[in-house]
Amino acid sequence: MKSIFFLLVLFSCTLCTVNVSYAQDRGMKPVLVQLDGKPTTLYSNSHALIIGASDYLSGWTQLPGVRTEVNLVKEALGRNGFTVDIVMNPTSEQLYRAFADFITKYGQNVDNRLLFFYAGHGYTLKTNYGEELGYIVPVNAPNPNYDPAGFQNSAMEMAQVEIFARRLQAKHALFIFDACFSGSLFSSTRAIPEIITYKTTLPVRQFITSGSAEEMVPDKSVFADQFVRALDGEADYDRNNYITGSELGEFLQSTVVNYTRNMQHPQYGKIRSPNLDKGDFVFPVSDASTAVIPAVTATTPPPTVAYNTPPPTRDAVSSRKPTPPPSDNAISRQKPAAEPVAVVPDRRPEETKIKKEDLDGFTPMVFVEGGTFMMGSKKGKGDEKPPHFVKLDDFYIGKFEVTQKEWQEIMGSNPSAFEGFLSCPVERVSYIDIQLFIDRLNKKTGKNYRLPTEAEWEYASRGGNKSKNYLYSGGNDADAAGWMKKNSLEKTHPVGSKQPNELGIFDMSGNVIEWCSDWFNGSFYKTRGTHVNPAGPQKGKERAVRGGSFKYDASMLRNTARFDLREEAKYSDVGFRLVLTEK
């Protein structure tokens, strides 16, 4: 059975001169995938049409960044097996002909994979009867503020794009617009990506826009940069060497909101048609001609968006300037670094990537064999001294911090400051909130999840009975072991994206600080003798938290560093992981 993927991508806001050139069919190898254990042809040939608009003529701002964007996208698509045709700076007629001619040439072959990329201005027109009409803007369209009738006669309404989408004979089509306007053609979704099955091959028309109506998209596109990174493998959330349309939409929505500091909100969904909303396209990672594809390690750091002097935007009919997002200092316990020193991509090293079997069940757990260890440090702070013996029974502890996705699954809501980054740890959850979460989780699963004690947390962080006595959980290099102030860009990161410790546990140093079950007492462990399964003091004013966070200096990410918080406290860098024991 053959599955067809048509990716019609990226309508951004930029300017160029008309130059149409159609590539010849190069007879590329078919793309194969494994469906239900059987090799299946997905597409026979892959063709892309990139349309860029940067040199506007009638009252729109110029968008010089589009030329760079077009080249970057062209290279990324080439790496993924596409032949690429480029149309620059089209007028109204040339824009229409570009779509029509490309569809005529390649769109009737059900085995072709097609991609349409538009970079240029987008606009939303509000009618007097309450509807919103979205448009993509050719270079000769007048500014609608001065000539609304001329604009409507020149710009391409999204209804025309829908006609082009329905005209295709291919099963799958994805339209991505790097521009902000009303997405009235599709129903926005927050779908959880599914595994590759024959359901994927059902007909679908999918859409992704780089922002919502009335938002401004910078000329130097963060969205396009993240799109390129997605195709190079970063959107492969489940690490199965394929990217689905849902994964791509989720990735772009998460990263663009983050890197633009909540100024830009990509939307994604499927066309409003019961006959065209069932499938999901598939994009093999890295190499479009083979079914077994190695993961790609990202090397390009994410962009830094400057807000002091805004660049040209793709919403030129508005004179509003973006304002810096509100500071999180009101809820933080440390001042943020003036300038992040290192930028590390949100990618798990190849040798430590999450395996599919780790994702089965509610949350992956790691077995920690019991034993006796020396807790605390004679070189640490006063509440870490003196070192003392602790004996623990066997237990299981979360391989990762509890994620936003897992919290939403149980609680139906997401309290996180960095909401929408489903693979990042949940935060802004109090000790009290977590007790309700655990109660619901245990009722749903019939298991006995709970928070770790301080002793269990430190034993697991050190590597249990496999400990090599590292300073941090995962080694003596804080940068490799955890997300902290100097490398985090003041945000959480997907769980498991740093190196694990000796037991294969991730992020016990940094990312978010983690709640423990103990009441905190700075002198509790100063009593002599061996403590057996200690659970901390019987009462107190604060609970223990461990591990440091993305806001902390390296010294606070040490295995033995101790902190405390009131039970009702909620911070953007405080989360948790679970322990599982027999009832």
Protein backbone atom coordinates (compact mmCIF):
# COMPACT_ATOMS: atom_id res chain seq x y z
CA MET A 1 0.00 0.00 0.00
CA LYS A 2 1.42 3.37 -0.95
CA SER A 3 1.23 6.46 1.24
CA ILE A 4 1.67 9.90 -0.25
CA PHE A 5 2.98 12.95 1.53
CA PHE A 6 2.47 16.46 0.25
CA LEU A 7 4.06 19.15 2.34
CA LEU A 8 3.02 22.61 1.30
CA VAL A 9 5.10 24.77 3.49
CA LEU A 10 5.88 28.15 4.90
CA PHE A 11 4.25 31.31 3.76
CA SER A 12 6.51 33.98 5.29
CA CYS A 13 6.81 37.67 4.66
CA THR A 14 9.66 38.68 2.35
CA LEU A 15 10.57 40.07 -1.11
CA CYS A 16 12.41 38.99 -4.27
CA THR A 17 12.36 39.25 -8.11
CA VAL A 18 10.31 36.88 -10.24
CA ASN A 19 12.39 33.93 -11.32
CA VAL A 20 10.57 30.71 -12.13
CA SER A 21 12.55 27.58 -12.84
CA TYR A 22 11.24 24.03 -12.80
CA ALA A 23 13.61 21.21 -11.95
CA GLN A 24 13.61 18.02 -13.96
CA ASP A 25 12.51 14.74 -12.42
CA ARG A 26 15.69 13.12 -11.15
CA GLY A 27 14.20 9.67 -10.69
CA MET A 28 14.86 9.66 -6.93
CA LYS A 29 14.61 6.47 -4.92
CA PRO A 30 11.24 5.72 -3.30
CA VAL A 31 10.83 6.39 0.41
CA LEU A 32 10.11 3.24 2.38
CA VAL A 33 8.69 2.90 5.90
CA GLN A 34 7.79 -0.03 8.13
CA LEU A 35 4.01 -0.31 8.58
CA ASP A 36 2.91 -3.15 10.84
CA GLY A 37 6.30 -4.74 10.25
CA LYS A 38 6.06 -4.59 6.45
CA PRO A 39 8.15 -2.36 4.17
CA THR A 40 5.78 0.06 2.42
CA THR A 41 6.44 2.64 -0.30
CA LEU A 42 5.53 6.08 0.99
CA TYR A 43 6.45 8.28 -2.00
CA SER A 44 8.18 7.79 -5.35
CA ASN A 45 9.43 11.36 -5.99
CA SER A 46 9.72 14.53 -3.92
CA HIS A 47 9.26 18.04 -5.33
CA ALA A 48 9.17 21.43 -3.57
CA LEU A 49 7.99 24.86 -4.66
CA ILE A 50 9.45 27.77 -2.69
CA ILE A 51 7.83 31.19 -3.16
CA GLY A 52 9.57 34.19 -1.61
CA ALA A 53 8.41 37.83 -1.51
CA SER A 54 10.73 40.51 -0.17
CA ASP A 55 10.66 43.58 -2.49
CA TYR A 56 7.15 44.94 -2.00
CA LEU A 57 5.99 47.82 -4.22
CA SER A 58 2.90 49.42 -2.65
CA GLY A 59 3.17 50.40 0.99
CA TRP A 60 4.44 47.21 2.61
CA THR A 61 7.76 46.98 4.44
CA GLN A 62 10.66 45.34 2.64
CA LEU A 63 11.72 41.91 3.91
CA PRO A 64 15.38 41.30 3.02
CA GLY A 65 15.59 38.32 5.40
CA VAL A 66 13.43 36.24 3.08
CA ARG A 67 16.27 35.63 0.65
CA THR A 68 18.34 34.02 3.39
CA GLU A 69 15.32 32.09 4.58
CA VAL A 70 14.59 30.72 1.11
CA ASN A 71 18.17 29.48 0.76
CA LEU A 72 18.13 27.80 4.18
CA VAL A 73 14.86 26.04 3.48
CA LYS A 74 16.05 25.01 0.01
CA GLU A 75 19.16 23.40 1.52
CA ALA A 76 17.15 21.64 4.23
CA LEU A 77 14.71 20.25 1.69
CA GLY A 78 17.56 19.14 -0.53
CA ARG A 79 19.01 17.21 2.39
CA ASN A 80 15.66 15.51 2.73
CA GLY A 81 15.47 14.35 -0.88
CA PHE A 82 13.47 17.11 -2.60
CA THR A 83 14.05 18.71 -5.97
CA VAL A 84 13.32 22.42 -5.48
CA ASP A 85 11.72 25.04 -7.76
CA ILE A 86 11.92 28.70 -6.66
CA VAL A 87 9.68 31.65 -7.53
CA MET A 88 10.84 35.03 -6.20
CA ASN A 89 8.82 38.26 -5.85
CA PRO A 90 5.68 37.16 -7.67
CA THR A 91 2.95 39.58 -8.69
CA SER A 92 -0.69 38.54 -8.26
CA GLU A 93 -0.83 36.70 -11.56
CA GLN A 94 2.58 35.11 -11.10
CA LEU A 95 1.65 33.91 -7.60
CA TYR A 96 -1.45 32.17 -8.95
CA ARG A 97 0.44 30.68 -11.91
CA ALA A 98 3.22 29.41 -9.62
CA PHE A 99 0.73 27.29 -7.66
CA ALA A 100 -1.31 26.23 -10.66
CA ASP A 101 1.63 25.24 -12.88
CA PHE A 102 3.39 23.32 -10.13
CA ILE A 103 0.22 21.40 -9.29
CA THR A 104 -0.37 20.67 -12.97
CA LYS A 105 3.17 19.34 -13.36
CA TYR A 106 3.51 17.31 -10.18
CA GLY A 107 0.21 17.30 -8.30
CA GLN A 108 -1.66 14.62 -10.25
CA ASN A 109 0.80 11.81 -9.51
CA VAL A 110 -0.39 10.13 -6.31
CA ASP A 111 3.10 8.81 -5.62
CA ASN A 112 4.78 12.25 -5.54
CA ARG A 113 5.70 14.10 -2.38
CA LEU A 114 5.06 17.83 -2.84
CA LEU A 115 6.13 20.74 -0.67
CA PHE A 116 5.04 24.39 -1.11
CA PHE A 117 6.95 27.04 0.82
CA TYR A 118 5.85 30.68 0.76
CA ALA A 119 7.81 33.49 2.42
CA GLY A 120 6.05 36.87 2.40
CA HIS A 121 3.52 39.11 4.14
CA GLY A 122 0.25 37.76 5.51
CA TYR A 123 -2.87 39.73 6.41
CA THR A 124 -6.24 39.21 8.09
CA LEU A 125 -9.20 41.22 6.85
CA LYS A 126 -12.11 41.59 9.27
CA THR A 127 -15.47 41.86 7.53
CA ASN A 128 -18.46 43.87 8.72
CA TYR A 129 -20.41 40.62 9.18
CA GLY A 130 -17.96 39.28 11.76
CA GLU A 131 -15.75 36.90 9.75
CA GLU A 132 -11.98 37.02 9.31
CA LEU A 133 -10.42 36.39 5.90
CA GLY A 134 -6.78 35.38 5.68
CA TYR A 135 -4.56 36.44 2.75
CA ILE A 136 -1.05 35.87 1.44
CA VAL A 137 0.36 38.98 -0.20
CA PRO A 138 2.10 39.23 -3.62
CA VAL A 139 4.56 42.06 -4.14
CA ASN A 140 2.19 44.27 -6.17
CA ALA A 141 -0.73 44.18 -3.68
CA PRO A 142 -1.47 47.66 -2.22
CA ASN A 143 -1.56 48.33 1.50
CA PRO A 144 -5.15 47.56 2.60
CA ASN A 145 -5.15 50.53 4.97
CA TYR A 146 -5.10 52.83 1.94
CA ASP A 147 -6.68 50.74 -0.82
CA PRO A 148 -8.79 47.90 0.63
CA ALA A 149 -10.55 47.13 -2.67
CA GLY A 150 -7.27 47.02 -4.58
CA PHE A 151 -5.79 44.76 -1.92
CA GLN A 152 -8.64 42.25 -2.20
CA ASN A 153 -8.31 42.21 -5.97
CA SER A 154 -4.57 41.52 -5.77
CA ALA A 155 -3.90 39.34 -2.70
CA MET A 156 -4.56 35.59 -2.64
CA GLU A 157 -7.30 34.63 -0.20
CA MET A 158 -6.89 31.42 1.76
CA ALA A 159 -10.04 30.12 0.11
CA GLN A 160 -7.99 29.91 -3.11
CA VAL A 161 -5.32 27.93 -1.27
CA GLU A 162 -8.06 25.55 -0.17
CA ILE A 163 -9.10 25.13 -3.80
CA PHE A 164 -5.50 24.27 -4.73
CA ALA A 165 -5.38 21.79 -1.83
CA ARG A 166 -8.54 20.02 -2.93
CA ARG A 167 -7.38 20.01 -6.57
CA LEU A 168 -4.46 17.72 -5.67
CA GLN A 169 -4.89 14.00 -6.24
CA ALA A 170 -2.38 13.18 -3.53
CA LYS A 171 -3.51 11.70 -0.25
CA HIS A 172 -1.52 14.03 1.99
CA ALA A 173 -0.96 17.79 1.91
CA LEU A 174 0.56 20.08 4.50
CA PHE A 175 0.48 23.87 4.12
CA ILE A 176 2.84 25.90 6.29
CA PHE A 177 2.69 29.69 6.32
CA ASP A 178 5.50 31.72 7.85
CA ALA A 179 3.14 34.65 8.28
CA CYS A 180 0.44 35.72 10.70
CA PHE A 181 -3.22 35.76 9.68
CA SER A 182 -6.48 34.09 10.57
CA GLY A 183 -6.38 30.32 10.17
CA SER A 184 -10.06 29.95 9.31
CA LEU A 185 -9.51 26.99 6.97
CA PHE A 186 -8.49 24.58 9.67
CA SER A 187 -9.35 23.53 13.19
CA SER A 188 -6.47 24.17 15.59
CA THR A 189 -5.39 21.09 17.49
CA ARG A 190 -2.99 20.04 20.21
CA ALA A 191 -2.86 16.44 19.02
CA ILE A 192 -0.47 14.01 20.63
CA PRO A 193 1.73 12.51 17.87
CA GLU A 194 0.86 8.91 17.08
CA ILE A 195 3.09 6.08 15.97
CA ILE A 196 3.38 5.26 12.26
CA THR A 197 0.44 3.02 11.29
CA TYR A 198 -1.80 2.54 8.27
CA LYS A 199 -4.07 5.19 9.77
CA THR A 200 -1.34 7.62 8.78
CA THR A 201 -2.00 6.91 5.10
CA LEU A 202 -5.61 8.14 5.18
CA PRO A 203 -6.33 11.40 3.29
CA VAL A 204 -5.43 14.63 5.05
CA ARG A 205 -4.83 18.35 4.43
CA GLN A 206 -2.80 19.85 7.26
CA PHE A 207 -1.86 23.46 7.94
CA ILE A 208 0.74 25.23 10.06
CA THR A 209 1.03 29.00 10.45
CA SER A 210 3.90 30.78 12.17
CA GLY A 211 1.59 32.92 14.30
CA SER A 212 -1.93 33.97 15.13
CA ALA A 213 -3.86 36.83 13.54
CA GLU A 214 -2.47 40.30 14.32
CA GLU A 215 0.85 38.93 15.61
CA MET A 216 4.05 40.20 14.03
CA VAL A 217 6.61 37.82 12.54
CA PRO A 218 10.21 39.13 12.45
CA ASP A 219 11.89 39.43 9.07
CA LYS A 220 14.64 37.17 10.38
CA SER A 221 12.35 34.23 10.89
CA VAL A 222 12.62 32.18 14.08
CA PHE A 223 9.89 29.96 12.66
CA ALA A 224 11.89 29.14 9.51
CA ASP A 225 15.00 28.40 11.57
CA GLN A 226 13.06 25.99 13.76
CA PHE A 227 11.43 24.42 10.70
CA VAL A 228 14.88 23.61 9.30
CA ARG A 229 15.99 22.19 12.65
CA ALA A 230 12.80 20.13 12.80
CA LEU A 231 13.50 18.53 9.42
CA ASP A 232 17.04 17.76 10.51
CA GLY A 233 15.62 15.56 13.27
CA GLU A 234 14.78 17.69 16.30
CA ALA A 235 11.01 17.23 15.87
CA ASP A 236 11.36 13.45 16.13
CA TYR A 237 9.94 13.37 19.67
CA ASP A 238 9.57 9.61 19.98
CA ARG A 239 12.96 8.94 18.31
CA ASN A 240 11.52 6.47 15.77
CA ASN A 241 13.37 8.16 12.87
CA TYR A 242 10.18 9.67 11.42
CA ILE A 243 8.51 13.05 11.86
CA THR A 244 4.73 13.24 11.52
CA GLY A 245 2.73 16.36 10.79
CA SER A 246 1.51 16.37 14.38
CA GLU A 247 5.07 16.16 15.69
CA LEU A 248 6.16 18.99 13.39
CA GLY A 249 3.27 21.21 14.51
CA GLU A 250 3.91 20.45 18.17
CA PHE A 251 7.63 21.13 17.81
CA LEU A 252 7.15 24.47 16.02
CA GLN A 253 4.47 25.60 18.43
CA SER A 254 6.69 24.82 21.42
CA THR A 255 10.02 26.18 20.22
CA VAL A 256 8.80 29.33 18.46
CA VAL A 257 6.74 30.45 21.46
CA ASN A 258 9.82 29.91 23.60
CA TYR A 259 12.46 31.56 21.41
CA THR A 260 10.26 34.58 20.62
CA ARG A 261 9.48 34.91 24.32
CA ASN A 262 5.76 34.44 23.90
CA MET A 263 5.47 37.00 21.09
CA GLN A 264 4.62 34.50 18.34
CA HIS A 265 2.20 31.56 18.59
CA PRO A 266 2.23 29.07 15.70
CA GLN A 267 -1.04 27.27 15.01
CA TYR A 268 -1.56 23.87 13.42
CA GLY A 269 -4.46 21.64 12.51
CA LYS A 270 -6.37 19.88 9.73
CA ILE A 271 -8.80 21.14 7.10
CA ARG A 272 -12.47 21.29 8.04
CA SER A 273 -13.53 18.29 5.98
CA PRO A 274 -14.52 14.80 7.19
CA ASN A 275 -12.90 13.33 4.08
CA LEU A 276 -9.55 15.06 4.49
CA ASP A 277 -8.82 15.12 8.23
CA LYS A 278 -8.03 11.49 9.08
CA GLY A 279 -4.40 10.92 8.08
CA ASP A 280 -1.03 12.33 9.06
CA PHE A 281 1.93 12.81 6.77
CA VAL A 282 5.30 11.30 7.53
CA PHE A 283 8.74 12.81 7.05
CA PRO A 284 11.71 10.40 7.34
CA VAL A 285 14.52 11.99 9.32
CA SER A 286 17.69 13.02 7.49
CA ASP A 287 17.60 10.68 4.47
CA ALA A 288 14.42 10.46 2.40
CA SER A 289 15.51 7.33 0.52
CA THR A 290 15.89 4.81 3.31
CA ALA A 291 13.69 3.31 6.00
CA VAL A 292 16.37 3.14 8.67
CA ILE A 293 17.67 6.62 9.36
CA PRO A 294 20.24 7.63 11.98
CA ALA A 295 19.32 10.44 14.38
CA VAL A 296 20.77 13.86 13.60
CA THR A 297 22.68 15.76 16.24
CA ALA A 298 21.95 19.48 16.04
CA THR A 299 24.94 21.81 15.94
CA THR A 300 23.33 25.18 15.20
CA PRO A 301 22.31 27.09 18.34
CA PRO A 302 18.78 28.48 18.54
CA PRO A 303 18.38 32.13 17.56
CA THR A 304 18.41 34.94 20.07
CA VAL A 305 15.59 37.44 19.53
CA ALA A 306 16.44 41.06 20.32
CA TYR A 307 13.55 43.31 21.31
CA ASN A 308 15.32 46.63 21.92
CA THR A 309 15.43 47.51 18.20
CA PRO A 310 12.78 45.47 16.41
CA PRO A 311 13.69 44.30 12.88
CA PRO A 312 11.25 44.49 9.97
CA THR A 313 8.20 42.33 10.57
CA ARG A 314 5.78 40.48 8.35
CA ASP A 315 2.81 42.44 9.66
CA ALA A 316 3.73 45.73 8.04
CA VAL A 317 0.24 47.24 8.03
CA SER A 318 0.55 47.62 11.78
CA SER A 319 2.86 50.19 13.36
CA ARG A 320 2.87 48.47 16.74
CA LYS A 321 6.27 47.47 18.09
CA PRO A 322 6.78 44.33 20.13
CA THR A 323 7.39 44.83 23.81
CA PRO A 324 9.63 42.67 25.98
CA PRO A 325 7.78 39.85 27.75
CA PRO A 326 7.10 40.16 31.48
CA SER A 327 9.99 39.15 33.70
CA ASP A 328 9.81 36.00 35.78
CA ASN A 329 11.92 37.66 38.49
CA ALA A 330 8.84 38.08 40.68
CA ILE A 331 8.70 34.35 41.21
CA SER A 332 12.39 33.51 40.97
CA ARG A 333 14.80 33.17 43.84
CA GLN A 334 17.86 34.25 41.91
CA LYS A 335 18.57 37.05 39.47
CA PRO A 336 18.93 35.75 35.90
CA ALA A 337 22.31 35.85 34.21
CA ALA A 338 22.92 39.06 32.27
CA GLU A 339 23.96 37.11 29.17
CA PRO A 340 23.74 33.34 28.72
CA VAL A 341 27.27 32.18 27.99
CA ALA A 342 26.60 28.96 26.13
CA VAL A 343 23.71 27.93 23.91
CA VAL A 344 23.14 24.19 23.84
CA PRO A 345 20.60 22.67 21.42
CA ASP A 346 17.64 20.79 22.83
CA ARG A 347 18.93 17.46 21.55
CA ARG A 348 19.72 14.32 23.40
CA PRO A 349 23.17 12.90 22.49
CA GLU A 350 22.87 9.90 20.21
CA GLU A 351 24.31 7.51 22.74
CA THR A 352 21.78 8.54 25.42
CA LYS A 353 18.60 9.04 23.39
CA ILE A 354 15.36 7.73 24.82
CA LYS A 355 14.47 4.29 23.52
CA LYS A 356 10.91 3.54 22.51
CA GLU A 357 10.50 0.94 25.22
CA ASP A 358 11.34 3.60 27.82
CA LEU A 359 8.19 5.49 26.82
CA ASP A 360 5.78 2.63 27.44
CA GLY A 361 3.45 3.05 30.39
CA PHE A 362 2.79 6.25 32.31
CA THR A 363 6.41 7.24 32.93
CA PRO A 364 9.64 5.21 32.60
CA MET A 365 11.17 4.09 35.89
CA VAL A 366 14.69 2.99 36.79
CA PHE A 367 15.37 0.25 39.32
CA VAL A 368 17.63 1.36 42.19
CA GLU A 369 19.10 -1.52 44.15
CA GLY A 370 19.21 -0.81 47.87
CA GLY A 371 22.41 -0.41 49.84
CA THR A 372 24.35 1.69 52.30
CA PHE A 373 26.03 4.96 51.31
CA MET A 374 27.63 8.01 52.85
CA MET A 375 25.08 10.84 52.58
CA GLY A 376 26.13 14.50 52.69
CA SER A 377 29.52 16.15 52.19
CA LYS A 378 32.24 17.37 54.50
CA LYS A 379 33.10 20.05 51.91
CA GLY A 380 29.55 21.32 51.42
CA LYS A 381 27.35 23.79 53.26
CA GLY A 382 26.55 23.42 56.92
CA ASP A 383 23.31 21.53 56.33
CA GLU A 384 25.24 18.92 54.27
CA LYS A 385 27.52 18.09 57.22
CA PRO A 386 28.59 15.80 58.66
CA PRO A 387 28.62 12.92 56.17
CA HIS A 388 26.58 10.06 57.64
CA PHE A 389 25.63 6.49 56.74
CA VAL A 390 22.20 5.77 55.32
CA LYS A 391 20.80 2.34 54.47
CA LEU A 392 17.99 2.07 51.90
CA ASP A 393 15.79 -0.70 50.52
CA ASP A 394 15.23 -1.24 46.78
CA PHE A 395 12.99 1.26 44.97
CA TYR A 396 12.17 2.56 41.49
CA ILE A 397 12.66 6.23 40.59
CA GLY A 398 11.59 8.21 37.54
CA LYS A 399 14.08 8.12 34.70
CA PHE A 400 12.96 11.67 33.90
CA GLU A 401 11.28 14.54 35.68
CA VAL A 402 7.49 14.45 35.32
CA THR A 403 6.64 16.24 32.08
CA GLN A 404 3.90 18.69 31.15
CA LYS A 405 2.36 16.00 28.96
CA GLU A 406 2.16 13.56 31.89
CA TRP A 407 0.70 16.20 34.22
CA GLN A 408 -1.97 17.10 31.64
CA GLU A 409 -2.85 13.43 31.20
CA ILE A 410 -3.75 13.11 34.88
CA MET A 411 -4.90 16.62 35.83
CA GLY A 412 -6.38 17.90 32.57
CA SER A 413 -4.57 21.23 32.85
CA ASN A 414 -1.06 22.67 32.64
CA PRO A 415 0.15 25.13 35.30
CA SER A 416 3.62 25.60 33.78
CA ALA A 417 5.18 28.99 33.12
CA PHE A 418 6.57 27.50 29.90
CA GLU A 419 3.18 26.02 28.97
CA GLY A 420 2.98 24.10 25.72
CA PHE A 421 6.43 22.49 25.88
CA LEU A 422 5.00 19.04 26.54
CA SER A 423 8.36 17.24 26.64
CA CYS A 424 9.72 19.70 29.23
CA PRO A 425 9.24 19.15 32.96
CA VAL A 426 6.06 20.47 34.51
CA GLU A 427 6.75 23.38 36.89
CA ARG A 428 4.90 25.89 39.05
CA VAL A 429 3.49 22.95 40.99
CA SER A 430 3.43 23.08 44.79
CA TYR A 431 3.95 20.18 47.17
CA ILE A 432 0.20 20.30 47.82
CA ASP A 433 -0.60 20.15 44.08
CA ILE A 434 1.65 17.12 43.70
CA GLN A 435 -0.12 15.20 46.45
CA LEU A 436 -3.41 15.55 44.55
CA PHE A 437 -1.66 14.50 41.33
CA ILE A 438 -0.20 11.40 43.00
CA ASP A 439 -3.56 10.47 44.54
CA ARG A 440 -5.27 10.58 41.11
CA LEU A 441 -2.38 8.76 39.45
CA ASN A 442 -2.44 5.92 41.98
CA LYS A 443 -6.20 5.52 41.65
CA LYS A 444 -5.89 5.39 37.87
CA THR A 445 -2.96 2.97 37.74
CA GLY A 446 -3.45 0.93 40.91
CA LYS A 447 0.23 1.52 41.74
CA ASN A 448 2.02 3.21 44.62
CA TYR A 449 3.74 6.32 43.29
CA ARG A 450 5.07 8.94 45.70
CA LEU A 451 7.75 11.59 46.05
CA PRO A 452 11.26 10.39 46.95
CA THR A 453 12.71 10.96 50.37
CA GLU A 454 15.83 13.13 50.53
CA ALA A 455 17.94 10.05 51.13
CA GLU A 456 16.43 8.18 48.17
CA TRP A 457 16.87 11.23 45.96
CA GLU A 458 20.56 11.69 46.83
CA TYR A 459 21.33 7.96 46.57
CA ALA A 460 19.76 7.81 43.10
CA SER A 461 21.42 11.06 42.02
CA ARG A 462 24.85 9.76 43.04
CA GLY A 463 24.33 6.57 40.98
CA GLY A 464 23.26 4.17 43.76
CA ASN A 465 25.58 1.21 44.23
CA LYS A 466 27.16 2.01 40.83
CA SER A 467 28.28 5.42 42.03
CA LYS A 468 31.58 6.85 40.78
CA ASN A 469 31.36 9.68 43.32
CA TYR A 470 30.88 12.41 40.73
CA LEU A 471 30.24 15.97 41.86
CA TYR A 472 27.06 16.19 39.78
CA SER A 473 24.53 13.58 38.70
CA GLY A 474 26.14 12.35 35.50
CA GLY A 475 29.73 13.48 35.87
CA ASN A 476 32.08 16.20 37.08
CA ASP A 477 31.27 18.52 34.16
CA ALA A 478 28.24 20.60 35.20
CA ASP A 479 27.61 21.80 31.64
CA ALA A 480 27.32 18.24 30.34
CA ALA A 481 25.31 17.03 33.34
CA GLY A 482 22.61 19.66 33.66
CA TRP A 483 20.78 22.78 32.54
CA MET A 484 21.88 25.73 34.70
CA LYS A 485 22.12 29.50 34.60
CA LYS A 486 24.98 29.77 32.11
CA ASN A 487 23.69 27.33 29.48
CA SER A 488 19.87 27.26 29.78
CA LEU A 489 18.78 30.59 28.27
CA GLU A 490 16.66 30.93 31.43
CA LYS A 491 14.18 28.21 30.49
CA THR A 492 13.41 24.55 30.97
CA HIS A 493 14.51 22.02 28.36
CA PRO A 494 13.08 18.67 27.18
CA VAL A 495 13.74 15.95 29.73
CA GLY A 496 16.63 13.64 28.96
CA SER A 497 18.57 16.13 26.83
CA LYS A 498 21.70 16.02 29.02
CA GLN A 499 23.87 13.04 29.84
CA PRO A 500 22.52 10.46 32.34
CA ASN A 501 24.16 9.28 35.53
CA GLU A 502 25.51 5.80 36.24
CA LEU A 503 21.98 4.37 36.60
CA GLY A 504 20.69 5.94 33.40
CA ILE A 505 18.71 8.66 35.21
CA PHE A 506 18.48 12.13 33.62
CA ASP A 507 18.31 15.72 34.91
CA MET A 508 18.86 15.15 38.61
CA SER A 509 21.28 18.07 38.36
CA GLY A 510 19.56 21.13 36.94
CA ASN A 511 16.57 21.77 34.65
CA VAL A 512 14.04 22.04 37.52
CA ILE A 513 14.65 21.68 41.23
CA GLU A 514 12.72 18.69 42.60
CA TRP A 515 10.39 18.26 45.56
CA CYS A 516 11.15 15.59 48.15
CA SER A 517 8.72 14.20 50.74
CA ASP A 518 10.77 15.15 53.84
CA TRP A 519 10.23 18.10 56.09
CA PHE A 520 13.45 20.09 55.99
CA ASN A 521 15.74 20.35 59.00
CA GLY A 522 19.29 21.58 58.52
CA SER A 523 20.63 19.59 61.49
CA PHE A 524 18.50 16.44 61.24
CA TYR A 525 21.32 14.22 59.98
CA LYS A 526 23.86 15.27 62.59
CA THR A 527 22.89 12.39 64.84
CA ARG A 528 25.34 9.49 64.88
CA GLY A 529 24.76 5.95 63.63
CA THR A 530 23.28 4.54 60.45
CA HIS A 531 19.92 5.89 59.36
CA VAL A 532 17.69 3.16 57.89
CA ASN A 533 15.19 4.34 55.26
CA PRO A 534 15.02 7.82 56.84
CA ALA A 535 11.92 9.88 56.06
CA GLY A 536 13.06 13.12 57.66
CA PRO A 537 11.66 15.02 60.66
CA GLN A 538 8.07 14.42 61.79
CA LYS A 539 7.15 18.08 61.36
CA GLY A 540 8.53 21.33 60.02
CA LYS A 541 7.81 24.57 58.16
CA GLU A 542 9.36 23.78 54.77
CA ARG A 543 9.82 20.72 52.57
CA ALA A 544 13.16 19.62 51.15
CA VAL A 545 13.91 20.26 47.47
CA ARG A 546 16.98 19.00 45.65
CA GLY A 547 19.01 19.18 42.45
CA GLY A 548 19.21 22.85 41.50
CA SER A 549 17.59 24.32 38.40
CA PHE A 550 18.11 26.26 35.17
CA LYS A 551 18.31 29.45 37.27
CA TYR A 552 21.10 28.19 39.54
CA ASP A 553 24.89 28.36 39.41
CA ALA A 554 26.84 25.11 38.98
CA SER A 555 27.70 24.89 42.68
CA MET A 556 24.00 24.47 43.47
CA LEU A 557 23.62 21.50 41.12
CA ARG A 558 25.84 19.26 43.27
CA ASN A 559 24.46 15.88 44.38
CA THR A 560 24.60 16.88 48.04
CA ALA A 561 23.26 20.46 47.85
CA ARG A 562 20.11 20.96 49.96
CA PHE A 563 17.31 23.53 49.72
CA ASP A 564 13.88 24.09 51.25
CA LEU A 565 10.51 25.56 50.23
CA ARG A 566 7.14 26.08 51.84
CA GLU A 567 4.55 23.50 50.80
CA GLU A 568 2.40 26.02 48.91
CA ALA A 569 5.31 27.53 46.93
CA LYS A 570 5.06 27.57 43.11
CA TYR A 571 8.00 28.61 40.95
CA SER A 572 8.83 28.36 37.26
CA ASP A 573 11.92 26.25 38.03
CA VAL A 574 10.42 23.81 40.55
CA GLY A 575 9.10 20.40 39.49
CA PHE A 576 9.41 16.80 40.63
CA ARG A 577 10.02 13.16 39.76
CA LEU A 578 8.30 10.08 41.15
CA VAL A 579 9.32 7.03 43.15
CA LEU A 580 7.48 3.71 42.76
CA THR A 581 7.43 1.16 45.59
CA GLU A 582 5.36 -1.84 46.61
CA LYS A 583 2.27 -1.06 48.62
